[in-house]
Amino acid sequence: MLGRMSDERPQRGETVKPMDGPPRVALRERLLVEWVANAKVGDPFPEPWSNAMNPRESIIRTLVMLRIIPLPAPDANMAAVAQEASVAARAWLVKHPA
C-alpha cells in the first residue's frame, strides 16, 4: 500500500496519499547501498539478497524502491545498470552520511 507507514488499511472513503519525502532506510538497506557503492566485479552478493532467486534483480529492485536509481528498461544492459547503480549509490551516501 503506497503512501502509508503503518499496516492500517484505509477506511471507506479515505484516500491514500503518496509519500512526500524519501523513504526510510533500514540498516540492512544502508549496508546494501554501501556494498553497491564499493562492490567490485566478482564480489559475492550480500545477505539476504544472495539468497534471492535472482540476487541481481532483488538488489536493483531495492535500489529502485529506495529511489537511488530509476527503474531500468527490461532490455537494459546489466553491466551498465550495475555501473550506474554504483555511481548513484556513492552519490546517495554523500547526501546521506551515517
PDB file of N, CA and C in Angstrom:
ATOM      1  N   MET A   1       0.849  -1.158   0.000  1.00  0.00           N
ATOM      2  CA  MET A   1       0.000   0.000   0.000  1.00  0.00           C
ATOM      3  C   MET A   1       0.903   1.231   0.000  1.00  0.00           C
ATOM      4  N   LEU A   2       0.957   1.953  -1.077  1.00  0.00           N
ATOM      5  CA  LEU A   2       1.847   3.098  -1.183  1.00  0.00           C
ATOM      6  C   LEU A   2       1.372   4.267  -0.343  1.00  0.00           C
ATOM      7  N   GLY A   3       2.314   4.981   0.212  1.00  0.00           N
ATOM      8  CA  GLY A   3       1.998   6.228   0.899  1.00  0.00           C
ATOM      9  C   GLY A   3       1.667   6.095   2.362  1.00  0.00           C
ATOM     10  N   ARG A   4       1.693   4.907   2.912  1.00  0.00           N
ATOM     11  CA  ARG A   4       1.366   4.744   4.326  1.00  0.00           C
ATOM     12  C   ARG A   4       2.559   4.119   5.027  1.00  0.00           C
ATOM     13  N   MET A   5       2.784   4.539   6.253  1.00  0.00           N
ATOM     14  CA  MET A   5       3.902   4.000   7.011  1.00  0.00           C
ATOM     15  C   MET A   5       3.432   3.006   8.062  1.00  0.00           C
ATOM     16  N   SER A   6       2.170   2.627   8.034  1.00  0.00           N
ATOM     17  CA  SER A   6       1.671   1.658   9.001  1.00  0.00           C
ATOM     18  C   SER A   6       0.961   0.540   8.249  1.00  0.00           C
ATOM     19  N   ASP A   7       0.559  -0.464   9.003  1.00  0.00           N
ATOM     20  CA  ASP A   7      -0.140  -1.599   8.386  1.00  0.00           C
ATOM     21  C   ASP A   7      -1.652  -1.381   8.325  1.00  0.00           C
ATOM     22  N   GLU A   8      -2.112  -0.214   8.750  1.00  0.00           N
ATOM     23  CA  GLU A   8      -3.548   0.050   8.751  1.00  0.00           C
ATOM     24  C   GLU A   8      -4.064   0.114   7.317  1.00  0.00           C
ATOM     25  N   ARG A   9      -5.252  -0.378   7.140  1.00  0.00           N
ATOM     26  CA  ARG A   9      -5.904  -0.255   5.832  1.00  0.00           C
ATOM     27  C   ARG A   9      -6.704   1.047   5.831  1.00  0.00           C
ATOM     28  N   PRO A  10      -6.813   1.716   4.677  1.00  0.00           N
ATOM     29  CA  PRO A  10      -7.602   2.948   4.628  1.00  0.00           C
ATOM     30  C   PRO A  10      -9.073   2.641   4.898  1.00  0.00           C
ATOM     31  N   GLN A  11      -9.716   3.541   5.602  1.00  0.00           N
ATOM     32  CA  GLN A  11     -11.140   3.394   5.878  1.00  0.00           C
ATOM     33  C   GLN A  11     -11.936   3.782   4.634  1.00  0.00           C
ATOM     34  N   ARG A  12     -13.179   3.378   4.602  1.00  0.00           N
ATOM     35  CA  ARG A  12     -14.044   3.688   3.456  1.00  0.00           C
ATOM     36  C   ARG A  12     -14.058   5.199   3.224  1.00  0.00           C
ATOM     37  N   GLY A  13     -13.797   5.590   2.006  1.00  0.00           N
ATOM     38  CA  GLY A  13     -13.822   6.998   1.638  1.00  0.00           C
ATOM     39  C   GLY A  13     -12.500   7.714   1.880  1.00  0.00           C
ATOM     40  N   GLU A  14     -11.554   7.087   2.584  1.00  0.00           N
ATOM     41  CA  GLU A  14     -10.264   7.701   2.853  1.00  0.00           C
ATOM     42  C   GLU A  14      -9.342   7.470   1.655  1.00  0.00           C
ATOM     43  N   THR A  15      -8.606   8.483   1.287  1.00  0.00           N
ATOM     44  CA  THR A  15      -7.669   8.323   0.186  1.00  0.00           C
ATOM     45  C   THR A  15      -6.269   8.097   0.732  1.00  0.00           C
ATOM     46  N   VAL A  16      -5.462   7.432  -0.033  1.00  0.00           N
ATOM     47  CA  VAL A  16      -4.083   7.179   0.352  1.00  0.00           C
ATOM     48  C   VAL A  16      -3.224   8.188  -0.383  1.00  0.00           C
ATOM     49  N   LYS A  17      -2.461   8.975   0.377  1.00  0.00           N
ATOM     50  CA  LYS A  17      -1.611   9.999  -0.220  1.00  0.00           C
ATOM     51  C   LYS A  17      -0.213   9.428  -0.447  1.00  0.00           C
ATOM     52  N   PRO A  18       0.425   9.807  -1.545  1.00  0.00           N
ATOM     53  CA  PRO A  18       1.790   9.336  -1.775  1.00  0.00           C
ATOM     54  C   PRO A  18       2.746   9.956  -0.760  1.00  0.00           C
ATOM     55  N   MET A  19       3.846   9.258  -0.487  1.00  0.00           N
ATOM     56  CA  MET A  19       4.842   9.783   0.437  1.00  0.00           C
ATOM     57  C   MET A  19       5.547  10.967  -0.217  1.00  0.00           C
ATOM     58  N   ASP A  20       5.770  12.023   0.564  1.00  0.00           N
ATOM     59  CA  ASP A  20       6.430  13.210   0.036  1.00  0.00           C
ATOM     60  C   ASP A  20       7.948  13.123   0.127  1.00  0.00           C
ATOM     61  N   GLY A  21       8.435  12.668   1.254  1.00  0.00           N
ATOM     62  CA  GLY A  21       9.874  12.637   1.478  1.00  0.00           C
ATOM     63  C   GLY A  21      10.483  11.329   1.018  1.00  0.00           C
ATOM     64  N   PRO A  22      11.793  11.225   1.186  1.00  0.00           N
ATOM     65  CA  PRO A  22      12.457   9.977   0.812  1.00  0.00           C
ATOM     66  C   PRO A  22      12.034   8.851   1.749  1.00  0.00           C
ATOM     67  N   PRO A  23      12.059   7.631   1.272  1.00  0.00           N
ATOM     68  CA  PRO A  23      11.669   6.514   2.131  1.00  0.00           C
ATOM     69  C   PRO A  23      12.680   6.320   3.259  1.00  0.00           C
ATOM     70  N   ARG A  24      12.212   5.778   4.370  1.00  0.00           N
ATOM     71  CA  ARG A  24      13.124   5.466   5.467  1.00  0.00           C
ATOM     72  C   ARG A  24      14.009   4.309   5.045  1.00  0.00           C
ATOM     73  N   VAL A  25      15.227   4.349   5.504  1.00  0.00           N
ATOM     74  CA  VAL A  25      16.190   3.328   5.105  1.00  0.00           C
ATOM     75  C   VAL A  25      16.591   2.530   6.339  1.00  0.00           C
ATOM     76  N   ALA A  26      16.338   1.236   6.275  1.00  0.00           N
ATOM     77  CA  ALA A  26      16.745   0.333   7.353  1.00  0.00           C
ATOM     78  C   ALA A  26      18.256   0.125   7.284  1.00  0.00           C
ATOM     79  N   LEU A  27      18.824  -0.326   8.399  1.00  0.00           N
ATOM     80  CA  LEU A  27      20.268  -0.549   8.454  1.00  0.00           C
ATOM     81  C   LEU A  27      20.722  -1.511   7.367  1.00  0.00           C
ATOM     82  N   ARG A  28      19.994  -2.601   7.168  1.00  0.00           N
ATOM     83  CA  ARG A  28      20.431  -3.571   6.157  1.00  0.00           C
ATOM     84  C   ARG A  28      20.384  -2.967   4.757  1.00  0.00           C
ATOM     85  N   GLU A  29      19.426  -2.051   4.511  1.00  0.00           N
ATOM     86  CA  GLU A  29      19.353  -1.400   3.208  1.00  0.00           C
ATOM     87  C   GLU A  29      20.521  -0.435   3.031  1.00  0.00           C
ATOM     88  N   ARG A  30      20.882   0.277   4.107  1.00  0.00           N
ATOM     89  CA  ARG A  30      22.042   1.171   4.032  1.00  0.00           C
ATOM     90  C   ARG A  30      23.310   0.362   3.765  1.00  0.00           C
ATOM     91  N   LEU A  31      23.424  -0.779   4.421  1.00  0.00           N
ATOM     92  CA  LEU A  31      24.586  -1.632   4.191  1.00  0.00           C
ATOM     93  C   LEU A  31      24.626  -2.123   2.738  1.00  0.00           C
ATOM     94  N   LEU A  32      23.453  -2.375   2.163  1.00  0.00           N
ATOM     95  CA  LEU A  32      23.392  -2.760   0.757  1.00  0.00           C
ATOM     96  C   LEU A  32      23.879  -1.617  -0.129  1.00  0.00           C
ATOM     97  N   VAL A  33      23.432  -0.391   0.154  1.00  0.00           N
ATOM     98  CA  VAL A  33      23.859   0.765  -0.645  1.00  0.00           C
ATOM     99  C   VAL A  33      25.375   0.918  -0.545  1.00  0.00           C
ATOM    100  N   GLU A  34      25.924   0.745   0.655  1.00  0.00           N
ATOM    101  CA  GLU A  34      27.371   0.829   0.826  1.00  0.00           C
ATOM    102  C   GLU A  34      28.073  -0.280   0.032  1.00  0.00           C
ATOM    103  N   TRP A  35      27.482  -1.479   0.042  1.00  0.00           N
ATOM    104  CA  TRP A  35      28.068  -2.582  -0.723  1.00  0.00           C
ATOM    105  C   TRP A  35      28.062  -2.264  -2.215  1.00  0.00           C
ATOM    106  N   VAL A  36      26.923  -1.761  -2.719  1.00  0.00           N
ATOM    107  CA  VAL A  36      26.815  -1.425  -4.146  1.00  0.00           C
ATOM    108  C   VAL A  36      27.831  -0.339  -4.501  1.00  0.00           C
ATOM    109  N   ALA A  37      28.001   0.639  -3.619  1.00  0.00           N
ATOM    110  CA  ALA A  37      28.935   1.730  -3.885  1.00  0.00           C
ATOM    111  C   ALA A  37      30.378   1.243  -3.984  1.00  0.00           C
ATOM    112  N   ASN A  38      30.706   0.187  -3.241  1.00  0.00           N
ATOM    113  CA  ASN A  38      32.094  -0.269  -3.173  1.00  0.00           C
ATOM    114  C   ASN A  38      32.348  -1.609  -3.849  1.00  0.00           C
ATOM    115  N   ALA A  39      31.333  -2.240  -4.412  1.00  0.00           N
ATOM    116  CA  ALA A  39      31.475  -3.580  -4.982  1.00  0.00           C
ATOM    117  C   ALA A  39      32.384  -3.585  -6.202  1.00  0.00           C
ATOM    118  N   LYS A  40      33.107  -4.653  -6.324  1.00  0.00           N
ATOM    119  CA  LYS A  40      33.957  -4.894  -7.489  1.00  0.00           C
ATOM    120  C   LYS A  40      33.398  -6.096  -8.247  1.00  0.00           C
ATOM    121  N   VAL A  41      33.755  -6.213  -9.499  1.00  0.00           N
ATOM    122  CA  VAL A  41      33.304  -7.343 -10.314  1.00  0.00           C
ATOM    123  C   VAL A  41      33.714  -8.647  -9.622  1.00  0.00           C
ATOM    124  N   GLY A  42      32.760  -9.550  -9.460  1.00  0.00           N
ATOM    125  CA  GLY A  42      33.035 -10.842  -8.853  1.00  0.00           C
ATOM    126  C   GLY A  42      32.799 -10.902  -7.355  1.00  0.00           C
ATOM    127  N   ASP A  43      32.537  -9.753  -6.712  1.00  0.00           N
ATOM    128  CA  ASP A  43      32.235  -9.777  -5.275  1.00  0.00           C
ATOM    129  C   ASP A  43      30.963 -10.579  -5.037  1.00  0.00           C
ATOM    130  N   PRO A  44      30.928 -11.387  -3.975  1.00  0.00           N
ATOM    131  CA  PRO A  44      29.694 -12.129  -3.674  1.00  0.00           C
ATOM    132  C   PRO A  44      28.593 -11.168  -3.221  1.00  0.00           C
ATOM    133  N   PHE A  45      27.354 -11.505  -3.563  1.00  0.00           N
ATOM    134  CA  PHE A  45      26.225 -10.670  -3.150  1.00  0.00           C
ATOM    135  C   PHE A  45      26.068 -10.735  -1.634  1.00  0.00           C
ATOM    136  N   PRO A  46      25.643  -9.629  -1.005  1.00  0.00           N
ATOM    137  CA  PRO A  46      25.471  -9.628   0.449  1.00  0.00           C
ATOM    138  C   PRO A  46      24.196 -10.361   0.864  1.00  0.00           C
ATOM    139  N   GLU A  47      24.173 -10.791   2.116  1.00  0.00           N
ATOM    140  CA  GLU A  47      22.960 -11.384   2.706  1.00  0.00           C
ATOM    141  C   GLU A  47      21.947 -10.269   2.929  1.00  0.00           C
ATOM    142  N   PRO A  48      20.681 -10.444   2.872  1.00  0.00           N
ATOM    143  CA  PRO A  48      19.928 -11.620   2.464  1.00  0.00           C
ATOM    144  C   PRO A  48      19.702 -11.683   0.950  1.00  0.00           C
ATOM    145  N   TRP A  49      20.217 -10.704   0.215  1.00  0.00           N
ATOM    146  CA  TRP A  49      19.984 -10.660  -1.234  1.00  0.00           C
ATOM    147  C   TRP A  49      20.620 -11.849  -1.940  1.00  0.00           C
ATOM    148  N   SER A  50      21.687 -12.372  -1.387  1.00  0.00           N
ATOM    149  CA  SER A  50      22.344 -13.516  -2.020  1.00  0.00           C
ATOM    150  C   SER A  50      21.458 -14.762  -2.008  1.00  0.00           C
ATOM    151  N   ASN A  51      20.476 -14.774  -1.124  1.00  0.00           N
ATOM    152  CA  ASN A  51      19.568 -15.921  -1.031  1.00  0.00           C
ATOM    153  C   ASN A  51      18.370 -15.809  -1.967  1.00  0.00           C
ATOM    154  N   ALA A  52      18.224 -14.688  -2.637  1.00  0.00           N
ATOM    155  CA  ALA A  52      17.093 -14.495  -3.547  1.00  0.00           C
ATOM    156  C   ALA A  52      17.242 -15.395  -4.766  1.00  0.00           C
ATOM    157  N   MET A  53      16.128 -15.676  -5.418  1.00  0.00           N
ATOM    158  CA  MET A  53      16.171 -16.496  -6.630  1.00  0.00           C
ATOM    159  C   MET A  53      17.032 -15.803  -7.690  1.00  0.00           C
ATOM    160  N   ASN A  54      16.930 -14.478  -7.783  1.00  0.00           N
ATOM    161  CA  ASN A  54      17.761 -13.699  -8.693  1.00  0.00           C
ATOM    162  C   ASN A  54      18.318 -12.520  -7.894  1.00  0.00           C
ATOM    163  N   PRO A  55      19.486 -12.680  -7.264  1.00  0.00           N
ATOM    164  CA  PRO A  55      20.025 -11.629  -6.392  1.00  0.00           C
ATOM    165  C   PRO A  55      20.196 -10.282  -7.089  1.00  0.00           C
ATOM    166  N   ARG A  56      20.632 -10.290  -8.332  1.00  0.00           N
ATOM    167  CA  ARG A  56      20.848  -9.021  -9.044  1.00  0.00           C
ATOM    168  C   ARG A  56      19.536  -8.249  -9.169  1.00  0.00           C
ATOM    169  N   GLU A  57      18.464  -8.921  -9.572  1.00  0.00           N
ATOM    170  CA  GLU A  57      17.160  -8.253  -9.691  1.00  0.00           C
ATOM    171  C   GLU A  57      16.665  -7.776  -8.340  1.00  0.00           C
ATOM    172  N   SER A  58      16.893  -8.561  -7.306  1.00  0.00           N
ATOM    173  CA  SER A  58      16.456  -8.184  -5.968  1.00  0.00           C
ATOM    174  C   SER A  58      17.178  -6.923  -5.487  1.00  0.00           C
ATOM    175  N   ILE A  59      18.471  -6.843  -5.747  1.00  0.00           N
ATOM    176  CA  ILE A  59      19.246  -5.657  -5.360  1.00  0.00           C
ATOM    177  C   ILE A  59      18.781  -4.446  -6.151  1.00  0.00           C
ATOM    178  N   ILE A  60      18.586  -4.604  -7.445  1.00  0.00           N
ATOM    179  CA  ILE A  60      18.113  -3.485  -8.271  1.00  0.00           C
ATOM    180  C   ILE A  60      16.739  -3.025  -7.815  1.00  0.00           C
ATOM    181  N   ARG A  61      15.854  -3.977  -7.508  1.00  0.00           N
ATOM    182  CA  ARG A  61      14.513  -3.624  -7.027  1.00  0.00           C
ATOM    183  C   ARG A  61      14.599  -2.821  -5.725  1.00  0.00           C
ATOM    184  N   THR A  62      15.496  -3.213  -4.827  1.00  0.00           N
ATOM    185  CA  THR A  62      15.669  -2.485  -3.570  1.00  0.00           C
ATOM    186  C   THR A  62      16.183  -1.076  -3.826  1.00  0.00           C
ATOM    187  N   LEU A  63      17.146  -0.928  -4.721  1.00  0.00           N
ATOM    188  CA  LEU A  63      17.674   0.407  -5.030  1.00  0.00           C
ATOM    189  C   LEU A  63      16.620   1.295  -5.680  1.00  0.00           C
ATOM    190  N   VAL A  64      15.769   0.702  -6.506  1.00  0.00           N
ATOM    191  CA  VAL A  64      14.669   1.467  -7.118  1.00  0.00           C
ATOM    192  C   VAL A  64      13.670   1.880  -6.039  1.00  0.00           C
ATOM    193  N   MET A  65      13.335   0.959  -5.143  1.00  0.00           N
ATOM    194  CA  MET A  65      12.389   1.248  -4.069  1.00  0.00           C
ATOM    195  C   MET A  65      12.901   2.390  -3.176  1.00  0.00           C
ATOM    196  N   LEU A  66      14.205   2.437  -2.956  1.00  0.00           N
ATOM    197  CA  LEU A  66      14.803   3.497  -2.139  1.00  0.00           C
ATOM    198  C   LEU A  66      15.013   4.783  -2.927  1.00  0.00           C
ATOM    199  N   ARG A  67      14.647   4.767  -4.206  1.00  0.00           N
ATOM    200  CA  ARG A  67      14.763   5.920  -5.102  1.00  0.00           C
ATOM    201  C   ARG A  67      16.218   6.336  -5.318  1.00  0.00           C
ATOM    202  N   ILE A  68      17.104   5.366  -5.312  1.00  0.00           N
ATOM    203  CA  ILE A  68      18.508   5.636  -5.571  1.00  0.00           C
ATOM    204  C   ILE A  68      18.780   5.580  -7.062  1.00  0.00           C
ATOM    205  N   ILE A  69      18.104   4.672  -7.748  1.00  0.00           N
ATOM    206  CA  ILE A  69      18.220   4.573  -9.206  1.00  0.00           C
ATOM    207  C   ILE A  69      16.816   4.515  -9.794  1.00  0.00           C
ATOM    208  N   PRO A  70      16.675   4.943 -11.056  1.00  0.00           N
ATOM    209  CA  PRO A  70      15.375   4.769 -11.718  1.00  0.00           C
ATOM    210  C   PRO A  70      15.210   3.319 -12.159  1.00  0.00           C
ATOM    211  N   LEU A  71      13.991   2.935 -12.410  1.00  0.00           N
ATOM    212  CA  LEU A  71      13.705   1.579 -12.883  1.00  0.00           C
ATOM    213  C   LEU A  71      14.342   1.388 -14.253  1.00  0.00           C
ATOM    214  N   PRO A  72      15.241   0.410 -14.388  1.00  0.00           N
ATOM    215  CA  PRO A  72      15.869   0.198 -15.699  1.00  0.00           C
ATOM    216  C   PRO A  72      14.889  -0.426 -16.685  1.00  0.00           C
ATOM    217  N   ALA A  73      15.140  -0.190 -17.945  1.00  0.00           N
ATOM    218  CA  ALA A  73      14.326  -0.791 -19.004  1.00  0.00           C
ATOM    219  C   ALA A  73      14.524  -2.301 -18.990  1.00  0.00           C
ATOM    220  N   PRO A  74      13.507  -3.063 -19.391  1.00  0.00           N
ATOM    221  CA  PRO A  74      13.635  -4.528 -19.392  1.00  0.00           C
ATOM    222  C   PRO A  74      14.798  -5.036 -20.237  1.00  0.00           C
ATOM    223  N   ASP A  75      15.144  -4.315 -21.289  1.00  0.00           N
ATOM    224  CA  ASP A  75      16.229  -4.761 -22.171  1.00  0.00           C
ATOM    225  C   ASP A  75      17.559  -4.067 -21.867  1.00  0.00           C
ATOM    226  N   ALA A  76      17.653  -3.434 -20.693  1.00  0.00           N
ATOM    227  CA  ALA A  76      18.865  -2.700 -20.333  1.00  0.00           C
ATOM    228  C   ALA A  76      20.058  -3.636 -20.162  1.00  0.00           C
ATOM    229  N   ASN A  77      21.212  -3.144 -20.491  1.00  0.00           N
ATOM    230  CA  ASN A  77      22.468  -3.877 -20.314  1.00  0.00           C
ATOM    231  C   ASN A  77      22.757  -3.913 -18.808  1.00  0.00           C
ATOM    232  N   MET A  78      22.840  -5.117 -18.238  1.00  0.00           N
ATOM    233  CA  MET A  78      23.006  -5.244 -16.788  1.00  0.00           C
ATOM    234  C   MET A  78      24.340  -4.688 -16.309  1.00  0.00           C
ATOM    235  N   ALA A  79      25.371  -4.768 -17.119  1.00  0.00           N
ATOM    236  CA  ALA A  79      26.657  -4.190 -16.725  1.00  0.00           C
ATOM    237  C   ALA A  79      26.549  -2.677 -16.603  1.00  0.00           C
ATOM    238  N   ALA A  80      25.823  -2.054 -17.534  1.00  0.00           N
ATOM    239  CA  ALA A  80      25.626  -0.605 -17.475  1.00  0.00           C
ATOM    240  C   ALA A  80      24.754  -0.227 -16.280  1.00  0.00           C
ATOM    241  N   VAL A  81      23.732  -1.023 -16.004  1.00  0.00           N
ATOM    242  CA  VAL A  81      22.873  -0.762 -14.839  1.00  0.00           C
ATOM    243  C   VAL A  81      23.697  -0.860 -13.559  1.00  0.00           C
ATOM    244  N   ALA A  82      24.552  -1.858 -13.462  1.00  0.00           N
ATOM    245  CA  ALA A  82      25.399  -2.019 -12.273  1.00  0.00           C
ATOM    246  C   ALA A  82      26.352  -0.842 -12.118  1.00  0.00           C
ATOM    247  N   GLN A  83      26.932  -0.392 -13.206  1.00  0.00           N
ATOM    248  CA  GLN A  83      27.847   0.768 -13.165  1.00  0.00           C
ATOM    249  C   GLN A  83      27.103   2.013 -12.697  1.00  0.00           C
ATOM    250  N   GLU A  84      25.911   2.261 -13.266  1.00  0.00           N
ATOM    251  CA  GLU A  84      25.115   3.425 -12.875  1.00  0.00           C
ATOM    252  C   GLU A  84      24.661   3.316 -11.432  1.00  0.00           C
ATOM    253  N   ALA A  85      24.322   2.105 -10.991  1.00  0.00           N
ATOM    254  CA  ALA A  85      23.899   1.906  -9.606  1.00  0.00           C
ATOM    255  C   ALA A  85      25.033   2.210  -8.649  1.00  0.00           C
ATOM    256  N   SER A  86      26.239   1.825  -9.003  1.00  0.00           N
ATOM    257  CA  SER A  86      27.398   2.087  -8.164  1.00  0.00           C
ATOM    258  C   SER A  86      27.649   3.587  -8.023  1.00  0.00           C
ATOM    259  N   VAL A  87      27.578   4.299  -9.131  1.00  0.00           N
ATOM    260  CA  VAL A  87      27.758   5.756  -9.104  1.00  0.00           C
ATOM    261  C   VAL A  87      26.651   6.414  -8.287  1.00  0.00           C
ATOM    262  N   ALA A  88      25.410   5.990  -8.519  1.00  0.00           N
ATOM    263  CA  ALA A  88      24.270   6.563  -7.794  1.00  0.00           C
ATOM    264  C   ALA A  88      24.355   6.259  -6.301  1.00  0.00           C
ATOM    265  N   ALA A  89      24.814   5.062  -5.950  1.00  0.00           N
ATOM    266  CA  ALA A  89      24.941   4.694  -4.533  1.00  0.00           C
ATOM    267  C   ALA A  89      25.990   5.564  -3.850  1.00  0.00           C
ATOM    268  N   ARG A  90      27.112   5.815  -4.520  1.00  0.00           N
ATOM    269  CA  ARG A  90      28.136   6.690  -3.934  1.00  0.00           C
ATOM    270  C   ARG A  90      27.598   8.099  -3.741  1.00  0.00           C
ATOM    271  N   ALA A  91      26.856   8.595  -4.728  1.00  0.00           N
ATOM    272  CA  ALA A  91      26.273   9.937  -4.606  1.00  0.00           C
ATOM    273  C   ALA A  91      25.255   9.983  -3.471  1.00  0.00           C
ATOM    274  N   TRP A  92      24.465   8.922  -3.335  1.00  0.00           N
ATOM    275  CA  TRP A  92      23.458   8.869  -2.259  1.00  0.00           C
ATOM    276  C   TRP A  92      24.134   8.876  -0.900  1.00  0.00           C
ATOM    277  N   LEU A  93      25.226   8.146  -0.749  1.00  0.00           N
ATOM    278  CA  LEU A  93      25.942   8.095   0.528  1.00  0.00           C
ATOM    279  C   LEU A  93      26.529   9.449   0.898  1.00  0.00           C
ATOM    280  N   VAL A  94      26.961  10.229  -0.092  1.00  0.00           N
ATOM    281  CA  VAL A  94      27.466  11.580   0.186  1.00  0.00           C
ATOM    282  C   VAL A  94      26.346  12.460   0.727  1.00  0.00           C
ATOM    283  N   LYS A  95      25.153  12.325   0.158  1.00  0.00           N
ATOM    284  CA  LYS A  95      23.997  13.133   0.602  1.00  0.00           C
ATOM    285  C   LYS A  95      23.421  12.650   1.920  1.00  0.00           C
ATOM    286  N   HIS A  96      23.626  11.385   2.255  1.00  0.00           N
ATOM    287  CA  HIS A  96      23.055  10.786   3.464  1.00  0.00           C
ATOM    288  C   HIS A  96      24.144  10.143   4.311  1.00  0.00           C
ATOM    289  N   PRO A  97      25.020  10.965   4.923  1.00  0.00           N
ATOM    290  CA  PRO A  97      26.081  10.369   5.733  1.00  0.00           C
ATOM    291  C   PRO A  97      25.507   9.628   6.953  1.00  0.00           C
ATOM    292  N   ALA A  98      26.230   8.643   7.413  1.00  0.00           N
ATOM    293  CA  ALA A  98      25.775   7.831   8.552  1.00  0.00           C
ATOM    294  C   ALA A  98      25.768   8.623   9.834  1.00  0.00           C
TER     295      ALA A  98
END
